């Protein structure tokens, strides 16, 4: 198994409140990239929010292949958004992409 850092972009179509943002961050905590050497060194936040309501989720997943890692990251992102009370209609996601590979986790 290899540890991948996957970026999943998206847009909050109606913004995001502080409560939903807190719930989303909590739901994503297990996949936080700070647990990898790369995520820690580059200070990768699990959720980056831009002024135009676009966002990027940076998730750490373990998988056998890159495509499986992207698929798992997308599943984690969808689940975390639902846990935060958001769905595809108010937080559509773009394609997941591999932004790093780190085989040693702290």
N, C-alpha and C. Protein backbone atom coordinates (compact mmCIF):
# COMPACT_ATOMS: atom_id res chain seq x y z
N UNK A 1 0.83 -1.18 0.00
CA UNK A 1 0.00 0.00 0.00
C UNK A 1 0.88 1.25 0.00
N UNK A 2 0.41 2.24 -0.69
CA UNK A 2 1.10 3.51 -0.76
C UNK A 2 0.18 4.59 -0.23
N UNK A 3 0.76 5.58 0.43
CA UNK A 3 -0.02 6.71 0.93
C UNK A 3 0.03 7.82 -0.11
N UNK A 4 -1.15 8.26 -0.52
CA UNK A 4 -1.28 9.33 -1.51
C UNK A 4 -1.90 10.56 -0.86
N UNK A 5 -1.47 11.73 -1.29
CA UNK A 5 -2.17 12.97 -0.96
C UNK A 5 -2.94 13.34 -2.22
N UNK A 6 -4.25 13.45 -2.05
CA UNK A 6 -5.15 13.71 -3.18
C UNK A 6 -5.83 15.05 -2.96
N UNK A 7 -5.89 15.87 -3.99
CA UNK A 7 -6.62 17.13 -3.94
C UNK A 7 -7.93 16.98 -4.67
N UNK A 8 -8.99 17.43 -4.02
CA UNK A 8 -10.34 17.38 -4.60
C UNK A 8 -10.88 18.81 -4.57
N UNK A 9 -11.01 19.46 -5.74
CA UNK A 9 -11.55 20.82 -5.77
C UNK A 9 -13.07 20.83 -5.77
N UNK A 10 -13.63 21.95 -5.38
CA UNK A 10 -15.07 22.09 -5.40
C UNK A 10 -15.49 23.53 -5.23
N UNK A 11 -16.80 23.75 -5.20
CA UNK A 11 -17.36 25.09 -5.04
C UNK A 11 -18.55 25.01 -4.09
N UNK A 12 -18.58 25.90 -3.11
CA UNK A 12 -19.76 26.05 -2.27
C UNK A 12 -20.67 27.03 -3.00
N UNK A 13 -21.74 26.52 -3.59
CA UNK A 13 -22.59 27.36 -4.43
C UNK A 13 -23.36 28.41 -3.65
N UNK A 14 -23.57 28.20 -2.36
CA UNK A 14 -24.28 29.19 -1.55
C UNK A 14 -23.46 29.57 -0.31
N UNK A 15 -22.15 29.45 -0.40
CA UNK A 15 -21.29 29.75 0.74
C UNK A 15 -21.31 28.62 1.75
N UNK A 16 -20.55 28.82 2.82
CA UNK A 16 -20.51 27.82 3.89
C UNK A 16 -20.42 28.55 5.22
N UNK A 17 -21.28 28.17 6.14
CA UNK A 17 -21.29 28.78 7.46
C UNK A 17 -20.20 28.19 8.35
N UNK A 18 -19.96 28.85 9.44
CA UNK A 18 -18.92 28.40 10.39
C UNK A 18 -19.23 27.02 10.95
N UNK A 19 -20.50 26.74 11.25
CA UNK A 19 -20.86 25.42 11.79
C UNK A 19 -20.61 24.32 10.78
N UNK A 20 -21.01 24.53 9.54
CA UNK A 20 -20.80 23.52 8.50
C UNK A 20 -19.31 23.32 8.24
N UNK A 21 -18.56 24.40 8.28
CA UNK A 21 -17.11 24.30 8.07
C UNK A 21 -16.46 23.49 9.18
N UNK A 22 -16.89 23.70 10.42
CA UNK A 22 -16.37 22.94 11.56
C UNK A 22 -16.73 21.46 11.42
N UNK A 23 -17.98 21.17 11.05
CA UNK A 23 -18.39 19.77 10.87
C UNK A 23 -17.62 19.11 9.74
N UNK A 24 -17.37 19.86 8.65
CA UNK A 24 -16.61 19.31 7.53
C UNK A 24 -15.18 19.01 7.95
N UNK A 25 -14.54 19.93 8.64
CA UNK A 25 -13.16 19.71 9.10
C UNK A 25 -13.08 18.50 10.03
N UNK A 26 -14.08 18.35 10.91
CA UNK A 26 -14.10 17.21 11.84
C UNK A 26 -14.26 15.90 11.06
N UNK A 27 -15.12 15.89 10.06
CA UNK A 27 -15.35 14.67 9.27
C UNK A 27 -14.11 14.30 8.45
N UNK A 28 -13.30 15.29 8.10
CA UNK A 28 -12.11 15.03 7.29
C UNK A 28 -10.86 14.75 8.12
N UNK A 29 -10.95 14.93 9.42
CA UNK A 29 -9.78 14.80 10.29
C UNK A 29 -8.99 13.50 10.07
N UNK A 30 -9.63 12.33 9.93
CA UNK A 30 -8.84 11.10 9.73
C UNK A 30 -8.00 11.10 8.45
N UNK A 31 -8.38 11.92 7.47
CA UNK A 31 -7.65 11.94 6.20
C UNK A 31 -6.75 13.17 6.08
N UNK A 32 -6.46 13.85 7.20
CA UNK A 32 -5.66 15.07 7.21
C UNK A 32 -4.25 14.78 6.69
N UNK A 33 -3.78 15.56 5.70
CA UNK A 33 -2.44 15.30 5.15
C UNK A 33 -1.30 15.65 6.09
N UNK A 34 -1.58 16.33 7.22
CA UNK A 34 -0.50 16.62 8.16
C UNK A 34 0.12 15.36 8.75
N UNK A 35 -0.54 14.21 8.58
CA UNK A 35 0.00 12.95 9.08
C UNK A 35 1.07 12.36 8.19
N UNK A 36 1.37 13.01 7.08
CA UNK A 36 2.43 12.54 6.19
C UNK A 36 3.61 13.49 6.27
N UNK A 37 4.79 13.00 5.88
CA UNK A 37 5.97 13.86 5.86
C UNK A 37 5.74 15.06 4.94
N UNK A 38 5.16 14.81 3.77
CA UNK A 38 4.95 15.88 2.81
C UNK A 38 3.92 16.88 3.34
N UNK A 39 2.81 16.40 3.88
CA UNK A 39 1.77 17.29 4.38
C UNK A 39 2.25 18.16 5.52
N UNK A 40 3.07 17.59 6.37
CA UNK A 40 3.61 18.34 7.49
C UNK A 40 4.64 19.38 7.00
N UNK A 41 5.54 18.95 6.13
CA UNK A 41 6.58 19.84 5.63
C UNK A 41 6.00 20.99 4.82
N UNK A 42 4.95 20.71 4.04
CA UNK A 42 4.37 21.74 3.18
C UNK A 42 3.17 22.42 3.83
N UNK A 43 2.85 22.04 5.07
CA UNK A 43 1.73 22.61 5.82
C UNK A 43 0.44 22.58 5.01
N UNK A 44 0.11 21.40 4.52
CA UNK A 44 -1.11 21.22 3.72
C UNK A 44 -2.32 21.14 4.62
N UNK A 45 -3.24 22.05 4.45
CA UNK A 45 -4.48 22.03 5.20
C UNK A 45 -5.47 21.10 4.52
N UNK A 46 -6.28 20.43 5.32
CA UNK A 46 -7.27 19.51 4.78
C UNK A 46 -8.34 20.27 3.99
N UNK A 47 -8.63 21.52 4.37
CA UNK A 47 -9.62 22.34 3.69
C UNK A 47 -9.04 23.73 3.45
N UNK A 48 -8.97 24.12 2.19
CA UNK A 48 -8.57 25.48 1.82
C UNK A 48 -9.77 26.13 1.15
N UNK A 49 -10.18 27.28 1.65
CA UNK A 49 -11.35 27.99 1.13
C UNK A 49 -10.91 29.33 0.55
N UNK A 50 -11.33 29.59 -0.68
CA UNK A 50 -10.99 30.84 -1.35
C UNK A 50 -12.14 31.83 -1.22
N UNK A 51 -11.86 33.11 -1.47
CA UNK A 51 -12.87 34.16 -1.33
C UNK A 51 -14.06 33.97 -2.27
N UNK A 52 -13.87 33.30 -3.38
CA UNK A 52 -14.95 33.10 -4.35
C UNK A 52 -15.76 31.83 -4.08
N UNK A 53 -15.62 31.27 -2.87
CA UNK A 53 -16.31 30.05 -2.43
C UNK A 53 -15.84 28.78 -3.12
N UNK A 54 -14.73 28.84 -3.86
CA UNK A 54 -14.12 27.60 -4.33
C UNK A 54 -13.28 27.05 -3.18
N UNK A 55 -13.07 25.75 -3.18
CA UNK A 55 -12.30 25.14 -2.11
C UNK A 55 -11.50 23.97 -2.65
N UNK A 56 -10.55 23.55 -1.85
CA UNK A 56 -9.78 22.34 -2.15
C UNK A 56 -9.71 21.52 -0.88
N UNK A 57 -10.06 20.24 -1.02
CA UNK A 57 -9.87 19.28 0.06
C UNK A 57 -8.58 18.53 -0.26
N UNK A 58 -7.68 18.45 0.70
CA UNK A 58 -6.45 17.66 0.53
C UNK A 58 -6.53 16.50 1.50
N UNK A 59 -6.60 15.31 0.93
CA UNK A 59 -6.86 14.11 1.72
C UNK A 59 -5.74 13.11 1.58
N UNK A 60 -5.46 12.41 2.65
CA UNK A 60 -4.49 11.33 2.64
C UNK A 60 -5.26 10.01 2.58
N UNK A 61 -4.92 9.19 1.60
CA UNK A 61 -5.54 7.87 1.49
C UNK A 61 -4.46 6.84 1.19
N UNK A 62 -4.72 5.62 1.61
CA UNK A 62 -3.83 4.51 1.29
C UNK A 62 -4.51 3.66 0.24
N UNK A 63 -3.75 3.33 -0.79
CA UNK A 63 -4.31 2.54 -1.89
C UNK A 63 -3.19 1.82 -2.63
N UNK A 64 -3.59 0.83 -3.42
CA UNK A 64 -2.62 0.08 -4.22
C UNK A 64 -2.21 0.82 -5.48
N UNK A 65 -3.13 1.63 -6.03
CA UNK A 65 -2.84 2.34 -7.27
C UNK A 65 -3.36 3.78 -7.20
N UNK A 66 -2.86 4.61 -8.08
CA UNK A 66 -3.31 5.99 -8.15
C UNK A 66 -4.81 6.12 -8.41
N UNK A 67 -5.34 5.40 -9.40
CA UNK A 67 -6.79 5.50 -9.65
C UNK A 67 -7.63 5.07 -8.44
N UNK A 68 -7.18 4.04 -7.72
CA UNK A 68 -7.91 3.64 -6.52
C UNK A 68 -7.83 4.72 -5.44
N UNK A 69 -6.69 5.40 -5.34
CA UNK A 69 -6.53 6.48 -4.38
C UNK A 69 -7.46 7.64 -4.71
N UNK A 70 -7.55 8.00 -5.98
CA UNK A 70 -8.45 9.08 -6.40
C UNK A 70 -9.91 8.72 -6.10
N UNK A 71 -10.27 7.48 -6.37
CA UNK A 71 -11.63 7.01 -6.11
C UNK A 71 -11.95 7.05 -4.61
N UNK A 72 -11.02 6.61 -3.78
CA UNK A 72 -11.22 6.62 -2.34
C UNK A 72 -11.32 8.05 -1.81
N UNK A 73 -10.48 8.95 -2.32
CA UNK A 73 -10.53 10.35 -1.89
C UNK A 73 -11.87 10.97 -2.24
N UNK A 74 -12.36 10.67 -3.41
CA UNK A 74 -13.66 11.20 -3.83
C UNK A 74 -14.77 10.68 -2.91
N UNK A 75 -14.69 9.39 -2.55
CA UNK A 75 -15.68 8.81 -1.64
C UNK A 75 -15.61 9.48 -0.27
N UNK A 76 -14.40 9.69 0.25
CA UNK A 76 -14.22 10.36 1.54
C UNK A 76 -14.75 11.79 1.51
N UNK A 77 -14.47 12.50 0.42
CA UNK A 77 -14.93 13.87 0.29
C UNK A 77 -16.46 13.93 0.26
N UNK A 78 -17.08 13.07 -0.54
CA UNK A 78 -18.55 13.03 -0.61
C UNK A 78 -19.15 12.74 0.76
N UNK A 79 -18.60 11.77 1.46
CA UNK A 79 -19.10 11.39 2.78
C UNK A 79 -18.95 12.53 3.78
N UNK A 80 -17.81 13.19 3.79
CA UNK A 80 -17.57 14.29 4.72
C UNK A 80 -18.51 15.46 4.44
N UNK A 81 -18.75 15.75 3.18
CA UNK A 81 -19.68 16.83 2.83
C UNK A 81 -21.09 16.50 3.31
N UNK A 82 -21.51 15.27 3.12
CA UNK A 82 -22.84 14.85 3.60
C UNK A 82 -22.91 14.96 5.12
N UNK A 83 -21.85 14.54 5.82
CA UNK A 83 -21.81 14.64 7.28
C UNK A 83 -21.92 16.09 7.75
N UNK A 84 -21.45 17.02 6.92
CA UNK A 84 -21.50 18.44 7.25
C UNK A 84 -22.82 19.08 6.81
N UNK A 85 -23.73 18.28 6.25
CA UNK A 85 -25.02 18.79 5.81
C UNK A 85 -25.00 19.38 4.42
N UNK A 86 -23.98 19.05 3.64
CA UNK A 86 -23.85 19.56 2.27
C UNK A 86 -24.03 18.41 1.30
N UNK A 87 -24.38 18.72 0.06
CA UNK A 87 -24.54 17.68 -0.95
C UNK A 87 -24.02 18.18 -2.29
N UNK A 88 -24.18 17.37 -3.31
CA UNK A 88 -23.69 17.69 -4.66
C UNK A 88 -24.28 18.99 -5.18
N UNK A 89 -25.49 19.34 -4.74
CA UNK A 89 -26.14 20.55 -5.20
C UNK A 89 -25.52 21.83 -4.66
N UNK A 90 -25.10 21.82 -3.39
CA UNK A 90 -24.52 23.04 -2.83
C UNK A 90 -23.01 22.96 -2.60
N UNK A 91 -22.40 21.83 -2.98
CA UNK A 91 -20.94 21.70 -2.90
C UNK A 91 -20.46 20.70 -3.96
N UNK A 92 -20.66 21.03 -5.26
CA UNK A 92 -20.19 20.11 -6.30
C UNK A 92 -18.66 19.99 -6.29
N UNK A 93 -18.20 18.79 -6.58
CA UNK A 93 -16.77 18.50 -6.57
C UNK A 93 -16.24 18.35 -7.99
N UNK A 94 -14.99 18.71 -8.16
CA UNK A 94 -14.29 18.49 -9.42
C UNK A 94 -13.56 17.17 -9.36
N UNK A 95 -12.75 16.90 -10.37
CA UNK A 95 -12.02 15.63 -10.39
C UNK A 95 -10.92 15.58 -9.33
N UNK A 96 -10.78 14.42 -8.70
CA UNK A 96 -9.71 14.20 -7.72
C UNK A 96 -8.40 13.99 -8.48
N UNK A 97 -7.32 14.58 -7.96
CA UNK A 97 -6.02 14.40 -8.60
C UNK A 97 -4.95 14.12 -7.54
N UNK A 98 -3.99 13.32 -7.92
CA UNK A 98 -2.87 13.01 -7.02
C UNK A 98 -1.94 14.21 -6.98
N UNK A 99 -1.68 14.71 -5.78
CA UNK A 99 -0.76 15.83 -5.64
C UNK A 99 0.50 15.44 -4.88
N UNK A 100 0.55 14.21 -4.39
CA UNK A 100 1.75 13.74 -3.70
C UNK A 100 1.66 12.27 -3.36
N UNK A 101 2.82 11.67 -3.22
CA UNK A 101 2.91 10.26 -2.81
C UNK A 101 3.91 10.21 -1.66
N UNK A 102 3.51 9.57 -0.57
CA UNK A 102 4.35 9.50 0.62
C UNK A 102 4.17 8.12 1.22
N UNK A 103 5.18 7.29 1.17
CA UNK A 103 5.04 5.93 1.65
C UNK A 103 5.35 5.76 3.13
N UNK A 104 5.80 6.83 3.80
CA UNK A 104 6.11 6.75 5.23
C UNK A 104 5.23 7.71 5.99
N UNK A 105 4.37 7.17 6.86
CA UNK A 105 3.48 7.99 7.67
C UNK A 105 4.03 8.02 9.09
N UNK A 106 3.98 9.19 9.73
CA UNK A 106 4.44 9.31 11.11
C UNK A 106 3.56 8.51 12.03
